[in-house]
Amino acid sequence: MIVGRYQLDEESNVYDYVGVLNPKGFEDAKSMYLFNEVAISEIIFKAPVTDYEEAYLDKLNDFIDGEK
């Protein structure tokens, strides 16, 4: 289950997403998995997207584009 976006690891490598096992969820930092979009082979469920989420994604993408 994806619980975050645009994550850095200890070596400052950037990942598209951070996820946790479902239904277990977040337990501690060791229960989180960093991965990129290319590693996703199937989307089982996509939550509804709110206006707030769309605005957040626009700002996040602008930020990421500015980092490149």
N, C-alpha and C. Protein backbone atom coordinates (compact mmCIF):
# COMPACT_ATOMS: atom_id res chain seq x y z
N MET A 1 0.86 -1.16 0.00
CA MET A 1 0.00 0.00 0.00
C MET A 1 0.91 1.23 0.00
N ILE A 2 0.69 2.13 -0.93
CA ILE A 2 1.49 3.35 -1.01
C ILE A 2 1.02 4.33 0.05
N VAL A 3 1.96 4.83 0.83
CA VAL A 3 1.63 5.77 1.90
C VAL A 3 2.39 7.09 1.78
N GLY A 4 3.25 7.21 0.78
CA GLY A 4 3.99 8.46 0.62
C GLY A 4 4.61 8.55 -0.76
N ARG A 5 5.04 9.76 -1.09
CA ARG A 5 5.64 10.02 -2.41
C ARG A 5 6.95 10.77 -2.23
N TYR A 6 7.81 10.66 -3.27
CA TYR A 6 9.06 11.41 -3.37
C TYR A 6 9.87 11.30 -2.08
N GLN A 7 10.41 10.13 -1.85
CA GLN A 7 11.11 9.83 -0.62
C GLN A 7 12.62 9.71 -0.86
N LEU A 8 13.39 10.11 0.15
CA LEU A 8 14.84 9.99 0.13
C LEU A 8 15.27 8.90 1.09
N ASP A 9 16.31 8.12 0.70
CA ASP A 9 16.88 7.17 1.64
C ASP A 9 18.09 7.79 2.32
N GLU A 10 18.79 7.00 3.11
CA GLU A 10 19.93 7.51 3.88
C GLU A 10 21.06 8.03 3.00
N GLU A 11 21.16 7.53 1.76
CA GLU A 11 22.22 7.95 0.83
C GLU A 11 21.73 9.05 -0.11
N SER A 12 20.57 9.64 0.17
CA SER A 12 19.96 10.71 -0.64
C SER A 12 19.51 10.24 -2.02
N ASN A 13 19.26 8.94 -2.18
CA ASN A 13 18.63 8.44 -3.40
C ASN A 13 17.15 8.77 -3.34
N VAL A 14 16.59 9.22 -4.46
CA VAL A 14 15.18 9.61 -4.52
C VAL A 14 14.36 8.46 -5.07
N TYR A 15 13.23 8.19 -4.44
CA TYR A 15 12.29 7.16 -4.87
C TYR A 15 10.92 7.79 -5.09
N ASP A 16 10.17 7.22 -6.02
CA ASP A 16 8.84 7.75 -6.32
C ASP A 16 7.87 7.54 -5.17
N TYR A 17 7.97 6.39 -4.51
CA TYR A 17 6.97 6.04 -3.50
C TYR A 17 7.59 5.37 -2.28
N VAL A 18 6.83 5.41 -1.19
CA VAL A 18 7.11 4.60 -0.01
C VAL A 18 5.84 3.81 0.27
N GLY A 19 6.02 2.52 0.55
CA GLY A 19 4.87 1.67 0.80
C GLY A 19 5.05 0.82 2.03
N VAL A 20 3.94 0.26 2.47
CA VAL A 20 3.93 -0.66 3.61
C VAL A 20 3.09 -1.87 3.21
N LEU A 21 3.29 -2.96 3.90
CA LEU A 21 2.50 -4.16 3.63
C LEU A 21 1.05 -3.93 4.05
N ASN A 22 0.15 -4.47 3.26
CA ASN A 22 -1.27 -4.36 3.55
C ASN A 22 -1.77 -5.73 3.97
N PRO A 23 -2.49 -5.93 5.02
CA PRO A 23 -3.14 -4.94 5.88
C PRO A 23 -2.31 -4.55 7.10
N LYS A 24 -1.09 -4.99 7.18
CA LYS A 24 -0.28 -4.75 8.37
C LYS A 24 -0.05 -3.27 8.62
N GLY A 25 0.28 -2.53 7.58
CA GLY A 25 0.47 -1.09 7.71
C GLY A 25 1.82 -0.72 8.32
N PHE A 26 1.95 0.54 8.70
CA PHE A 26 3.19 1.07 9.25
C PHE A 26 3.42 0.56 10.67
N GLU A 27 4.60 0.00 10.91
CA GLU A 27 4.98 -0.41 12.25
C GLU A 27 6.16 0.41 12.73
N ASP A 28 7.17 0.55 11.88
CA ASP A 28 8.35 1.36 12.16
C ASP A 28 9.06 1.61 10.84
N ALA A 29 10.17 2.33 10.86
CA ALA A 29 10.87 2.68 9.62
C ALA A 29 11.33 1.44 8.85
N LYS A 30 11.57 0.34 9.55
CA LYS A 30 12.03 -0.88 8.88
C LYS A 30 10.89 -1.60 8.15
N SER A 31 9.65 -1.21 8.39
CA SER A 31 8.52 -1.84 7.71
C SER A 31 8.12 -1.10 6.44
N MET A 32 8.90 -0.08 6.07
CA MET A 32 8.61 0.72 4.88
C MET A 32 9.48 0.26 3.71
N TYR A 33 8.93 0.34 2.51
CA TYR A 33 9.63 -0.06 1.29
C TYR A 33 9.67 1.13 0.33
N LEU A 34 10.86 1.46 -0.14
CA LEU A 34 11.03 2.53 -1.11
C LEU A 34 11.10 1.91 -2.50
N PHE A 35 10.37 2.49 -3.46
CA PHE A 35 10.38 1.95 -4.82
C PHE A 35 9.97 3.02 -5.82
N ASN A 36 10.25 2.73 -7.09
CA ASN A 36 9.90 3.64 -8.17
C ASN A 36 8.71 3.11 -8.96
N GLU A 37 8.10 4.00 -9.72
CA GLU A 37 6.89 3.66 -10.46
C GLU A 37 7.09 2.48 -11.41
N VAL A 38 8.28 2.33 -11.96
CA VAL A 38 8.54 1.23 -12.90
C VAL A 38 8.42 -0.14 -12.23
N ALA A 39 8.49 -0.19 -10.89
CA ALA A 39 8.38 -1.46 -10.17
C ALA A 39 6.93 -1.90 -9.97
N ILE A 40 5.97 -1.04 -10.31
CA ILE A 40 4.56 -1.38 -10.12
C ILE A 40 4.08 -2.17 -11.32
N SER A 41 3.64 -3.40 -11.08
CA SER A 41 3.16 -4.23 -12.18
C SER A 41 1.63 -4.28 -12.25
N GLU A 42 0.96 -3.98 -11.13
CA GLU A 42 -0.49 -4.05 -11.11
C GLU A 42 -1.02 -3.11 -10.04
N ILE A 43 -2.08 -2.39 -10.37
CA ILE A 43 -2.78 -1.56 -9.38
C ILE A 43 -4.08 -2.27 -9.06
N ILE A 44 -4.22 -2.66 -7.80
CA ILE A 44 -5.40 -3.42 -7.38
C ILE A 44 -6.54 -2.49 -6.99
N PHE A 45 -6.22 -1.38 -6.36
CA PHE A 45 -7.24 -0.42 -5.94
C PHE A 45 -6.64 0.97 -5.97
N LYS A 46 -7.39 1.91 -6.49
CA LYS A 46 -6.97 3.31 -6.49
C LYS A 46 -8.04 4.11 -5.78
N ALA A 47 -7.64 4.80 -4.73
CA ALA A 47 -8.58 5.60 -3.95
C ALA A 47 -9.06 6.79 -4.77
N PRO A 48 -10.23 7.30 -4.47
CA PRO A 48 -10.71 8.49 -5.16
C PRO A 48 -9.74 9.66 -4.96
N VAL A 49 -9.61 10.50 -5.98
CA VAL A 49 -8.70 11.65 -5.92
C VAL A 49 -9.52 12.90 -5.64
N THR A 50 -9.16 13.59 -4.57
CA THR A 50 -9.85 14.83 -4.21
C THR A 50 -9.20 16.02 -4.90
N ASP A 51 -9.86 17.17 -4.85
CA ASP A 51 -9.27 18.40 -5.38
C ASP A 51 -7.98 18.73 -4.65
N TYR A 52 -7.95 18.49 -3.34
CA TYR A 52 -6.75 18.74 -2.54
C TYR A 52 -5.59 17.87 -3.04
N GLU A 53 -5.86 16.61 -3.31
CA GLU A 53 -4.84 15.69 -3.80
C GLU A 53 -4.31 16.14 -5.16
N GLU A 54 -5.21 16.55 -6.06
CA GLU A 54 -4.78 17.02 -7.37
C GLU A 54 -3.88 18.25 -7.25
N ALA A 55 -4.25 19.20 -6.38
CA ALA A 55 -3.44 20.40 -6.17
C ALA A 55 -2.08 20.03 -5.58
N TYR A 56 -2.08 19.09 -4.63
CA TYR A 56 -0.84 18.63 -4.02
C TYR A 56 0.08 18.00 -5.07
N LEU A 57 -0.47 17.15 -5.92
CA LEU A 57 0.33 16.49 -6.96
C LEU A 57 0.90 17.50 -7.95
N ASP A 58 0.12 18.53 -8.29
CA ASP A 58 0.62 19.57 -9.18
C ASP A 58 1.82 20.28 -8.55
N LYS A 59 1.70 20.64 -7.27
CA LYS A 59 2.80 21.32 -6.58
C LYS A 59 4.00 20.41 -6.41
N LEU A 60 3.76 19.14 -6.10
CA LEU A 60 4.86 18.19 -5.94
C LEU A 60 5.59 18.01 -7.27
N ASN A 61 4.85 17.87 -8.35
CA ASN A 61 5.49 17.71 -9.66
C ASN A 61 6.28 18.95 -10.06
N ASP A 62 5.76 20.13 -9.74
CA ASP A 62 6.51 21.37 -10.00
C ASP A 62 7.80 21.39 -9.19
N PHE A 63 7.72 20.97 -7.94
CA PHE A 63 8.91 20.91 -7.08
C PHE A 63 9.93 19.92 -7.64
N ILE A 64 9.48 18.74 -8.02
CA ILE A 64 10.38 17.72 -8.55
C ILE A 64 11.03 18.22 -9.85
N ASP A 65 10.25 18.84 -10.72
CA ASP A 65 10.81 19.39 -11.96
C ASP A 65 11.87 20.45 -11.67
N GLY A 66 11.68 21.22 -10.63
CA GLY A 66 12.65 22.25 -10.24
C GLY A 66 13.92 21.66 -9.66
N GLU A 67 13.85 20.44 -9.14
CA GLU A 67 15.01 19.76 -8.56
C GLU A 67 15.92 19.17 -9.62
N LYS A 68 15.38 18.95 -10.82
CA LYS A 68 16.17 18.30 -11.89
C LYS A 68 17.09 19.27 -12.57
